[in-house]
Amino acid sequence: MIVIAGSVSVRAEKREAAMNAALEMVRATRTEPGCLSYGFYAAIEDPNRILVFEEWESEEALDRHFATEHMKAFSRILPDVLAGPPSIKRYAVASAGPM
């Protein structure tokens, strides 16, 4: 399994546009084969800091995601709404289970 996790800061005046774009990404991405979970969440201490969390069955599923039209459209919006570079990491997870 591949996990993508991190955060991005959005410009306060562009927050609504960023959230609308994120919502469209969530709707489109959750239907993709190999997507186990996909979400964006506002940080409690700073609503302009958006947390990213994704789970993918495989590298191949993630590669297919990056090639989708909705990912390409989302990537074009990001330069206008982000307040700085994202802080996102990719994790290769050998096993996972309930706590």
PDB file of N, CA and C in Angstrom:
ATOM      1  N   MET A   1       0.848  -1.173   0.000  1.00  0.00           N
ATOM      2  CA  MET A   1       0.000   0.000   0.000  1.00  0.00           C
ATOM      3  C   MET A   1       0.891   1.232   0.000  1.00  0.00           C
ATOM      4  N   ILE A   2       0.423   2.275  -0.689  1.00  0.00           N
ATOM      5  CA  ILE A   2       1.116   3.548  -0.718  1.00  0.00           C
ATOM      6  C   ILE A   2       0.255   4.561   0.030  1.00  0.00           C
ATOM      7  N   VAL A   3       0.879   5.300   0.942  1.00  0.00           N
ATOM      8  CA  VAL A   3       0.195   6.365   1.677  1.00  0.00           C
ATOM      9  C   VAL A   3       0.849   7.683   1.309  1.00  0.00           C
ATOM     10  N   ILE A   4       0.022   8.658   1.007  1.00  0.00           N
ATOM     11  CA  ILE A   4       0.467  10.022   0.754  1.00  0.00           C
ATOM     12  C   ILE A   4      -0.097  10.863   1.887  1.00  0.00           C
ATOM     13  N   ALA A   5       0.771  11.610   2.586  1.00  0.00           N
ATOM     14  CA  ALA A   5       0.314  12.419   3.714  1.00  0.00           C
ATOM     15  C   ALA A   5       1.143  13.685   3.807  1.00  0.00           C
ATOM     16  N   GLY A   6       0.493  14.750   4.213  1.00  0.00           N
ATOM     17  CA  GLY A   6       1.200  16.006   4.394  1.00  0.00           C
ATOM     18  C   GLY A   6       0.239  17.164   4.483  1.00  0.00           C
ATOM     19  N   SER A   7       0.757  18.359   4.147  1.00  0.00           N
ATOM     20  CA  SER A   7      -0.078  19.545   4.222  1.00  0.00           C
ATOM     21  C   SER A   7       0.344  20.576   3.181  1.00  0.00           C
ATOM     22  N   VAL A   8      -0.596  21.456   2.882  1.00  0.00           N
ATOM     23  CA  VAL A   8      -0.349  22.601   2.013  1.00  0.00           C
ATOM     24  C   VAL A   8      -0.997  23.818   2.659  1.00  0.00           C
ATOM     25  N   SER A   9      -0.395  24.961   2.455  1.00  0.00           N
ATOM     26  CA  SER A   9      -0.996  26.214   2.922  1.00  0.00           C
ATOM     27  C   SER A   9      -1.600  26.921   1.726  1.00  0.00           C
ATOM     28  N   VAL A  10      -2.838  27.395   1.911  1.00  0.00           N
ATOM     29  CA  VAL A  10      -3.511  28.115   0.835  1.00  0.00           C
ATOM     30  C   VAL A  10      -3.617  29.589   1.206  1.00  0.00           C
ATOM     31  N   ARG A  11      -3.645  30.425   0.180  1.00  0.00           N
ATOM     32  CA  ARG A  11      -3.808  31.852   0.395  1.00  0.00           C
ATOM     33  C   ARG A  11      -5.212  32.094   0.932  1.00  0.00           C
ATOM     34  N   ALA A  12      -5.324  32.899   1.996  1.00  0.00           N
ATOM     35  CA  ALA A  12      -6.613  33.126   2.654  1.00  0.00           C
ATOM     36  C   ALA A  12      -7.677  33.589   1.670  1.00  0.00           C
ATOM     37  N   GLU A  13      -7.323  34.486   0.765  1.00  0.00           N
ATOM     38  CA  GLU A  13      -8.304  35.016  -0.180  1.00  0.00           C
ATOM     39  C   GLU A  13      -8.666  34.013  -1.269  1.00  0.00           C
ATOM     40  N   LYS A  14      -7.940  32.918  -1.356  1.00  0.00           N
ATOM     41  CA  LYS A  14      -8.203  31.874  -2.345  1.00  0.00           C
ATOM     42  C   LYS A  14      -8.693  30.578  -1.698  1.00  0.00           C
ATOM     43  N   ARG A  15      -8.982  30.629  -0.399  1.00  0.00           N
ATOM     44  CA  ARG A  15      -9.366  29.415   0.325  1.00  0.00           C
ATOM     45  C   ARG A  15     -10.604  28.752  -0.275  1.00  0.00           C
ATOM     46  N   GLU A  16     -11.626  29.542  -0.579  1.00  0.00           N
ATOM     47  CA  GLU A  16     -12.854  28.967  -1.124  1.00  0.00           C
ATOM     48  C   GLU A  16     -12.593  28.274  -2.465  1.00  0.00           C
ATOM     49  N   ALA A  17     -11.813  28.893  -3.317  1.00  0.00           N
ATOM     50  CA  ALA A  17     -11.472  28.280  -4.609  1.00  0.00           C
ATOM     51  C   ALA A  17     -10.687  26.993  -4.386  1.00  0.00           C
ATOM     52  N   ALA A  18      -9.762  27.010  -3.425  1.00  0.00           N
ATOM     53  CA  ALA A  18      -8.964  25.817  -3.122  1.00  0.00           C
ATOM     54  C   ALA A  18      -9.854  24.692  -2.609  1.00  0.00           C
ATOM     55  N   MET A  19     -10.780  25.026  -1.729  1.00  0.00           N
ATOM     56  CA  MET A  19     -11.666  23.999  -1.164  1.00  0.00           C
ATOM     57  C   MET A  19     -12.598  23.426  -2.229  1.00  0.00           C
ATOM     58  N   ASN A  20     -13.093  24.271  -3.126  1.00  0.00           N
ATOM     59  CA  ASN A  20     -13.948  23.776  -4.211  1.00  0.00           C
ATOM     60  C   ASN A  20     -13.173  22.844  -5.134  1.00  0.00           C
ATOM     61  N   ALA A  21     -11.935  23.207  -5.458  1.00  0.00           N
ATOM     62  CA  ALA A  21     -11.101  22.347  -6.305  1.00  0.00           C
ATOM     63  C   ALA A  21     -10.796  21.030  -5.592  1.00  0.00           C
ATOM     64  N   ALA A  22     -10.523  21.097  -4.290  1.00  0.00           N
ATOM     65  CA  ALA A  22     -10.243  19.884  -3.513  1.00  0.00           C
ATOM     66  C   ALA A  22     -11.467  18.974  -3.472  1.00  0.00           C
ATOM     67  N   LEU A  23     -12.631  19.549  -3.303  1.00  0.00           N
ATOM     68  CA  LEU A  23     -13.862  18.758  -3.269  1.00  0.00           C
ATOM     69  C   LEU A  23     -14.094  18.038  -4.600  1.00  0.00           C
ATOM     70  N   GLU A  24     -13.850  18.713  -5.699  1.00  0.00           N
ATOM     71  CA  GLU A  24     -13.965  18.074  -7.009  1.00  0.00           C
ATOM     72  C   GLU A  24     -12.966  16.925  -7.144  1.00  0.00           C
ATOM     73  N   MET A  25     -11.736  17.142  -6.645  1.00  0.00           N
ATOM     74  CA  MET A  25     -10.728  16.077  -6.696  1.00  0.00           C
ATOM     75  C   MET A  25     -11.160  14.870  -5.882  1.00  0.00           C
ATOM     76  N   VAL A  26     -11.689  15.114  -4.704  1.00  0.00           N
ATOM     77  CA  VAL A  26     -12.141  14.016  -3.841  1.00  0.00           C
ATOM     78  C   VAL A  26     -13.218  13.208  -4.557  1.00  0.00           C
ATOM     79  N   ARG A  27     -14.198  13.894  -5.112  1.00  0.00           N
ATOM     80  CA  ARG A  27     -15.303  13.199  -5.788  1.00  0.00           C
ATOM     81  C   ARG A  27     -14.808  12.347  -6.952  1.00  0.00           C
ATOM     82  N   ALA A  28     -13.906  12.901  -7.746  1.00  0.00           N
ATOM     83  CA  ALA A  28     -13.408  12.163  -8.912  1.00  0.00           C
ATOM     84  C   ALA A  28     -12.447  11.050  -8.504  1.00  0.00           C
ATOM     85  N   THR A  29     -11.567  11.328  -7.564  1.00  0.00           N
ATOM     86  CA  THR A  29     -10.510  10.380  -7.217  1.00  0.00           C
ATOM     87  C   THR A  29     -11.035   9.166  -6.471  1.00  0.00           C
ATOM     88  N   ARG A  30     -12.004   9.339  -5.622  1.00  0.00           N
ATOM     89  CA  ARG A  30     -12.511   8.201  -4.846  1.00  0.00           C
ATOM     90  C   ARG A  30     -13.130   7.119  -5.710  1.00  0.00           C
ATOM     91  N   THR A  31     -13.439   7.425  -6.952  1.00  0.00           N
ATOM     92  CA  THR A  31     -14.003   6.414  -7.852  1.00  0.00           C
ATOM     93  C   THR A  31     -12.924   5.672  -8.645  1.00  0.00           C
ATOM     94  N   GLU A  32     -11.671   6.091  -8.518  1.00  0.00           N
ATOM     95  CA  GLU A  32     -10.588   5.471  -9.280  1.00  0.00           C
ATOM     96  C   GLU A  32     -10.261   4.072  -8.755  1.00  0.00           C
ATOM     97  N   PRO A  33      -9.981   3.137  -9.670  1.00  0.00           N
ATOM     98  CA  PRO A  33      -9.518   1.814  -9.237  1.00  0.00           C
ATOM     99  C   PRO A  33      -8.210   1.948  -8.447  1.00  0.00           C
ATOM    100  N   GLY A  34      -8.132   1.262  -7.327  1.00  0.00           N
ATOM    101  CA  GLY A  34      -6.918   1.282  -6.513  1.00  0.00           C
ATOM    102  C   GLY A  34      -6.886   2.354  -5.461  1.00  0.00           C
ATOM    103  N   CYS A  35      -7.877   3.267  -5.446  1.00  0.00           N
ATOM    104  CA  CYS A  35      -7.939   4.300  -4.409  1.00  0.00           C
ATOM    105  C   CYS A  35      -8.647   3.719  -3.184  1.00  0.00           C
ATOM    106  N   LEU A  36      -7.927   3.620  -2.078  1.00  0.00           N
ATOM    107  CA  LEU A  36      -8.502   3.093  -0.835  1.00  0.00           C
ATOM    108  C   LEU A  36      -9.102   4.204   0.009  1.00  0.00           C
ATOM    109  N   SER A  37      -8.467   5.365   0.014  1.00  0.00           N
ATOM    110  CA  SER A  37      -9.020   6.546   0.675  1.00  0.00           C
ATOM    111  C   SER A  37      -8.340   7.778   0.099  1.00  0.00           C
ATOM    112  N   TYR A  38      -9.052   8.907   0.155  1.00  0.00           N
ATOM    113  CA  TYR A  38      -8.527  10.145  -0.419  1.00  0.00           C
ATOM    114  C   TYR A  38      -9.258  11.298   0.229  1.00  0.00           C
ATOM    115  N   GLY A  39      -8.521  12.215   0.857  1.00  0.00           N
ATOM    116  CA  GLY A  39      -9.198  13.335   1.491  1.00  0.00           C
ATOM    117  C   GLY A  39      -8.305  14.524   1.756  1.00  0.00           C
ATOM    118  N   PHE A  40      -8.963  15.663   1.870  1.00  0.00           N
ATOM    119  CA  PHE A  40      -8.349  16.916   2.288  1.00  0.00           C
ATOM    120  C   PHE A  40      -9.097  17.377   3.534  1.00  0.00           C
ATOM    121  N   TYR A  41      -8.376  17.941   4.506  1.00  0.00           N
ATOM    122  CA  TYR A  41      -8.964  18.324   5.781  1.00  0.00           C
ATOM    123  C   TYR A  41      -8.339  19.626   6.254  1.00  0.00           C
ATOM    124  N   ALA A  42      -9.145  20.531   6.802  1.00  0.00           N
ATOM    125  CA  ALA A  42      -8.613  21.786   7.333  1.00  0.00           C
ATOM    126  C   ALA A  42      -7.989  21.531   8.696  1.00  0.00           C
ATOM    127  N   ALA A  43      -6.794  22.072   8.913  1.00  0.00           N
ATOM    128  CA  ALA A  43      -6.126  21.949  10.209  1.00  0.00           C
ATOM    129  C   ALA A  43      -6.892  22.768  11.251  1.00  0.00           C
ATOM    130  N   ILE A  44      -7.029  22.242  12.442  1.00  0.00           N
ATOM    131  CA  ILE A  44      -7.781  22.912  13.498  1.00  0.00           C
ATOM    132  C   ILE A  44      -7.155  24.254  13.872  1.00  0.00           C
ATOM    133  N   GLU A  45      -5.836  24.291  13.957  1.00  0.00           N
ATOM    134  CA  GLU A  45      -5.167  25.516  14.410  1.00  0.00           C
ATOM    135  C   GLU A  45      -5.005  26.567  13.313  1.00  0.00           C
ATOM    136  N   ASP A  46      -5.184  26.178  12.047  1.00  0.00           N
ATOM    137  CA  ASP A  46      -5.034  27.112  10.928  1.00  0.00           C
ATOM    138  C   ASP A  46      -5.896  26.634   9.769  1.00  0.00           C
ATOM    139  N   PRO A  47      -7.075  27.227   9.569  1.00  0.00           N
ATOM    140  CA  PRO A  47      -7.971  26.753   8.517  1.00  0.00           C
ATOM    141  C   PRO A  47      -7.413  26.933   7.107  1.00  0.00           C
ATOM    142  N   ASN A  48      -6.340  27.698   6.958  1.00  0.00           N
ATOM    143  CA  ASN A  48      -5.712  27.866   5.647  1.00  0.00           C
ATOM    144  C   ASN A  48      -4.610  26.832   5.408  1.00  0.00           C
ATOM    145  N   ARG A  49      -4.398  25.959   6.358  1.00  0.00           N
ATOM    146  CA  ARG A  49      -3.482  24.828   6.188  1.00  0.00           C
ATOM    147  C   ARG A  49      -4.341  23.592   5.950  1.00  0.00           C
ATOM    148  N   ILE A  50      -4.175  22.991   4.796  1.00  0.00           N
ATOM    149  CA  ILE A  50      -4.985  21.848   4.397  1.00  0.00           C
ATOM    150  C   ILE A  50      -4.144  20.577   4.497  1.00  0.00           C
ATOM    151  N   LEU A  51      -4.672  19.604   5.215  1.00  0.00           N
ATOM    152  CA  LEU A  51      -4.004  18.318   5.382  1.00  0.00           C
ATOM    153  C   LEU A  51      -4.445  17.381   4.263  1.00  0.00           C
ATOM    154  N   VAL A  52      -3.507  16.595   3.789  1.00  0.00           N
ATOM    155  CA  VAL A  52      -3.740  15.662   2.684  1.00  0.00           C
ATOM    156  C   VAL A  52      -3.506  14.248   3.215  1.00  0.00           C
ATOM    157  N   PHE A  53      -4.430  13.338   2.914  1.00  0.00           N
ATOM    158  CA  PHE A  53      -4.218  11.938   3.290  1.00  0.00           C
ATOM    159  C   PHE A  53      -4.831  11.055   2.216  1.00  0.00           C
ATOM    160  N   GLU A  54      -3.998  10.168   1.660  1.00  0.00           N
ATOM    161  CA  GLU A  54      -4.424   9.254   0.599  1.00  0.00           C
ATOM    162  C   GLU A  54      -3.879   7.860   0.882  1.00  0.00           C
ATOM    163  N   GLU A  55      -4.635   6.839   0.496  1.00  0.00           N
ATOM    164  CA  GLU A  55      -4.161   5.454   0.540  1.00  0.00           C
ATOM    165  C   GLU A  55      -4.443   4.826  -0.818  1.00  0.00           C
ATOM    166  N   TRP A  56      -3.425   4.177  -1.364  1.00  0.00           N
ATOM    167  CA  TRP A  56      -3.510   3.557  -2.682  1.00  0.00           C
ATOM    168  C   TRP A  56      -3.093   2.099  -2.594  1.00  0.00           C
ATOM    169  N   GLU A  57      -3.733   1.246  -3.364  1.00  0.00           N
ATOM    170  CA  GLU A  57      -3.395  -0.177  -3.378  1.00  0.00           C
ATOM    171  C   GLU A  57      -1.979  -0.430  -3.855  1.00  0.00           C
ATOM    172  N   SER A  58      -1.499   0.398  -4.805  1.00  0.00           N
ATOM    173  CA  SER A  58      -0.204   0.120  -5.426  1.00  0.00           C
ATOM    174  C   SER A  58       0.378   1.378  -6.061  1.00  0.00           C
ATOM    175  N   GLU A  59       1.651   1.283  -6.413  1.00  0.00           N
ATOM    176  CA  GLU A  59       2.313   2.360  -7.164  1.00  0.00           C
ATOM    177  C   GLU A  59       1.618   2.562  -8.509  1.00  0.00           C
ATOM    178  N   GLU A  60       1.196   1.474  -9.130  1.00  0.00           N
ATOM    179  CA  GLU A  60       0.535   1.557 -10.427  1.00  0.00           C
ATOM    180  C   GLU A  60      -0.766   2.359 -10.334  1.00  0.00           C
ATOM    181  N   ALA A  61      -1.538   2.123  -9.273  1.00  0.00           N
ATOM    182  CA  ALA A  61      -2.785   2.873  -9.080  1.00  0.00           C
ATOM    183  C   ALA A  61      -2.481   4.360  -8.880  1.00  0.00           C
ATOM    184  N   LEU A  62      -1.449   4.664  -8.117  1.00  0.00           N
ATOM    185  CA  LEU A  62      -1.073   6.061  -7.901  1.00  0.00           C
ATOM    186  C   LEU A  62      -0.580   6.694  -9.204  1.00  0.00           C
ATOM    187  N   ASP A  63       0.203   5.964  -9.977  1.00  0.00           N
ATOM    188  CA  ASP A  63       0.668   6.473 -11.272  1.00  0.00           C
ATOM    189  C   ASP A  63      -0.514   6.774 -12.192  1.00  0.00           C
ATOM    190  N   ARG A  64      -1.520   5.886 -12.211  1.00  0.00           N
ATOM    191  CA  ARG A  64      -2.712   6.121 -13.033  1.00  0.00           C
ATOM    192  C   ARG A  64      -3.436   7.386 -12.572  1.00  0.00           C
ATOM    193  N   HIS A  65      -3.483   7.589 -11.241  1.00  0.00           N
ATOM    194  CA  HIS A  65      -4.128   8.781 -10.683  1.00  0.00           C
ATOM    195  C   HIS A  65      -3.456  10.056 -11.195  1.00  0.00           C
ATOM    196  N   PHE A  66      -2.129  10.079 -11.184  1.00  0.00           N
ATOM    197  CA  PHE A  66      -1.404  11.265 -11.632  1.00  0.00           C
ATOM    198  C   PHE A  66      -1.621  11.548 -13.116  1.00  0.00           C
ATOM    199  N   ALA A  67      -2.050  10.560 -13.879  1.00  0.00           N
ATOM    200  CA  ALA A  67      -2.277  10.731 -15.313  1.00  0.00           C
ATOM    201  C   ALA A  67      -3.717  11.113 -15.661  1.00  0.00           C
ATOM    202  N   THR A  68      -4.601  11.190 -14.669  1.00  0.00           N
ATOM    203  CA  THR A  68      -6.012  11.492 -14.943  1.00  0.00           C
ATOM    204  C   THR A  68      -6.192  12.954 -15.335  1.00  0.00           C
ATOM    205  N   GLU A  69      -7.271  13.202 -16.052  1.00  0.00           N
ATOM    206  CA  GLU A  69      -7.588  14.579 -16.447  1.00  0.00           C
ATOM    207  C   GLU A  69      -7.920  15.441 -15.242  1.00  0.00           C
ATOM    208  N   HIS A  70      -8.602  14.875 -14.220  1.00  0.00           N
ATOM    209  CA  HIS A  70      -8.930  15.693 -13.050  1.00  0.00           C
ATOM    210  C   HIS A  70      -7.680  16.062 -12.261  1.00  0.00           C
ATOM    211  N   MET A  71      -6.661  15.199 -12.245  1.00  0.00           N
ATOM    212  CA  MET A  71      -5.409  15.557 -11.579  1.00  0.00           C
ATOM    213  C   MET A  71      -4.681  16.648 -12.352  1.00  0.00           C
ATOM    214  N   LYS A  72      -4.692  16.556 -13.669  1.00  0.00           N
ATOM    215  CA  LYS A  72      -4.059  17.591 -14.491  1.00  0.00           C
ATOM    216  C   LYS A  72      -4.749  18.937 -14.289  1.00  0.00           C
ATOM    217  N   ALA A  73      -6.085  18.950 -14.248  1.00  0.00           N
ATOM    218  CA  ALA A  73      -6.837  20.194 -14.029  1.00  0.00           C
ATOM    219  C   ALA A  73      -6.543  20.766 -12.646  1.00  0.00           C
ATOM    220  N   PHE A  74      -6.492  19.900 -11.639  1.00  0.00           N
ATOM    221  CA  PHE A  74      -6.203  20.327 -10.267  1.00  0.00           C
ATOM    222  C   PHE A  74      -4.807  20.942 -10.185  1.00  0.00           C
ATOM    223  N   SER A  75      -3.854  20.330 -10.855  1.00  0.00           N
ATOM    224  CA  SER A  75      -2.478  20.827 -10.845  1.00  0.00           C
ATOM    225  C   SER A  75      -2.364  22.217 -11.462  1.00  0.00           C
ATOM    226  N   ARG A  76      -3.217  22.516 -12.418  1.00  0.00           N
ATOM    227  CA  ARG A  76      -3.197  23.848 -13.037  1.00  0.00           C
ATOM    228  C   ARG A  76      -3.731  24.919 -12.089  1.00  0.00           C
ATOM    229  N   ILE A  77      -4.608  24.560 -11.172  1.00  0.00           N
ATOM    230  CA  ILE A  77      -5.202  25.505 -10.218  1.00  0.00           C
ATOM    231  C   ILE A  77      -4.242  25.819  -9.076  1.00  0.00           C
ATOM    232  N   LEU A  78      -3.434  24.850  -8.682  1.00  0.00           N
ATOM    233  CA  LEU A  78      -2.602  24.977  -7.480  1.00  0.00           C
ATOM    234  C   LEU A  78      -1.723  26.219  -7.423  1.00  0.00           C
ATOM    235  N   PRO A  79      -1.019  26.608  -8.480  1.00  0.00           N
ATOM    236  CA  PRO A  79      -0.155  27.790  -8.359  1.00  0.00           C
ATOM    237  C   PRO A  79      -0.907  29.053  -7.937  1.00  0.00           C
ATOM    238  N   ASP A  80      -2.176  29.156  -8.303  1.00  0.00           N
ATOM    239  CA  ASP A  80      -2.968  30.334  -7.970  1.00  0.00           C
ATOM    240  C   ASP A  80      -3.450  30.342  -6.519  1.00  0.00           C
ATOM    241  N   VAL A  81      -3.613  29.174  -5.909  1.00  0.00           N
ATOM    242  CA  VAL A  81      -4.215  29.120  -4.569  1.00  0.00           C
ATOM    243  C   VAL A  81      -3.229  28.822  -3.445  1.00  0.00           C
ATOM    244  N   LEU A  82      -2.093  28.233  -3.756  1.00  0.00           N
ATOM    245  CA  LEU A  82      -1.148  27.859  -2.701  1.00  0.00           C
ATOM    246  C   LEU A  82      -0.366  29.065  -2.189  1.00  0.00           C
ATOM    247  N   ALA A  83      -0.105  29.075  -0.880  1.00  0.00           N
ATOM    248  CA  ALA A  83       0.663  30.145  -0.245  1.00  0.00           C
ATOM    249  C   ALA A  83       2.141  29.798  -0.165  1.00  0.00           C
ATOM    250  N   GLY A  84       2.496  28.583  -0.488  1.00  0.00           N
ATOM    251  CA  GLY A  84       3.886  28.139  -0.425  1.00  0.00           C
ATOM    252  C   GLY A  84       3.979  26.714  -0.923  1.00  0.00           C
ATOM    253  N   PRO A  85       5.176  26.160  -0.909  1.00  0.00           N
ATOM    254  CA  PRO A  85       5.341  24.789  -1.394  1.00  0.00           C
ATOM    255  C   PRO A  85       4.671  23.774  -0.467  1.00  0.00           C
ATOM    256  N   PRO A  86       4.110  22.714  -1.034  1.00  0.00           N
ATOM    257  CA  PRO A  86       3.507  21.664  -0.202  1.00  0.00           C
ATOM    258  C   PRO A  86       4.571  20.909   0.598  1.00  0.00           C
ATOM    259  N   SER A  87       4.127  20.337   1.691  1.00  0.00           N
ATOM    260  CA  SER A  87       4.974  19.449   2.494  1.00  0.00           C
ATOM    261  C   SER A  87       4.269  18.097   2.526  1.00  0.00           C
ATOM    262  N   ILE A  88       4.582  17.267   1.540  1.00  0.00           N
ATOM    263  CA  ILE A  88       3.866  15.999   1.366  1.00  0.00           C
ATOM    264  C   ILE A  88       4.881  14.883   1.188  1.00  0.00           C
ATOM    265  N   LYS A  89       4.607  13.741   1.830  1.00  0.00           N
ATOM    266  CA  LYS A  89       5.498  12.580   1.722  1.00  0.00           C
ATOM    267  C   LYS A  89       4.731  11.373   1.213  1.00  0.00           C
ATOM    268  N   ARG A  90       5.486  10.479   0.572  1.00  0.00           N
ATOM    269  CA  ARG A  90       4.959   9.201   0.083  1.00  0.00           C
ATOM    270  C   ARG A  90       5.545   8.105   0.966  1.00  0.00           C
ATOM    271  N   TYR A  91       4.685   7.231   1.461  1.00  0.00           N
ATOM    272  CA  TYR A  91       5.116   6.118   2.319  1.00  0.00           C
ATOM    273  C   TYR A  91       4.745   4.802   1.658  1.00  0.00           C
ATOM    274  N   ALA A  92       5.655   3.881   1.616  1.00  0.00           N
ATOM    275  CA  ALA A  92       5.377   2.511   1.187  1.00  0.00           C
ATOM    276  C   ALA A  92       5.116   1.712   2.451  1.00  0.00           C
ATOM    277  N   VAL A  93       3.919   1.185   2.583  1.00  0.00           N
ATOM    278  CA  VAL A  93       3.501   0.504   3.806  1.00  0.00           C
ATOM    279  C   VAL A  93       3.420  -0.996   3.552  1.00  0.00           C
ATOM    280  N   ALA A  94       4.171  -1.763   4.328  1.00  0.00           N
ATOM    281  CA  ALA A  94       4.203  -3.213   4.156  1.00  0.00           C
ATOM    282  C   ALA A  94       2.949  -3.886   4.726  1.00  0.00           C
ATOM    283  N   SER A  95       2.426  -3.345   5.815  1.00  0.00           N
ATOM    284  CA  SER A  95       1.192  -3.896   6.382  1.00  0.00           C
ATOM    285  C   SER A  95       0.486  -2.824   7.186  1.00  0.00           C
ATOM    286  N   ALA A  96      -0.826  -2.984   7.336  1.00  0.00           N
ATOM    287  CA  ALA A  96      -1.625  -2.055   8.116  1.00  0.00           C
ATOM    288  C   ALA A  96      -2.811  -2.820   8.695  1.00  0.00           C
ATOM    289  N   GLY A  97      -3.271  -2.375   9.820  1.00  0.00           N
ATOM    290  CA  GLY A  97      -4.409  -3.015  10.467  1.00  0.00           C
ATOM    291  C   GLY A  97      -5.010  -2.100  11.502  1.00  0.00           C
ATOM    292  N   PRO A  98      -6.115  -2.500  12.073  1.00  0.00           N
ATOM    293  CA  PRO A  98      -6.764  -1.663  13.072  1.00  0.00           C
ATOM    294  C   PRO A  98      -5.920  -1.533  14.333  1.00  0.00           C
ATOM    295  N   MET A  99      -6.111  -0.436  15.016  1.00  0.00           N
ATOM    296  CA  MET A  99      -5.395  -0.216  16.279  1.00  0.00           C
ATOM    297  C   MET A  99      -6.141  -0.854  17.420  1.00  0.00           C
TER     298      MET A  99
END
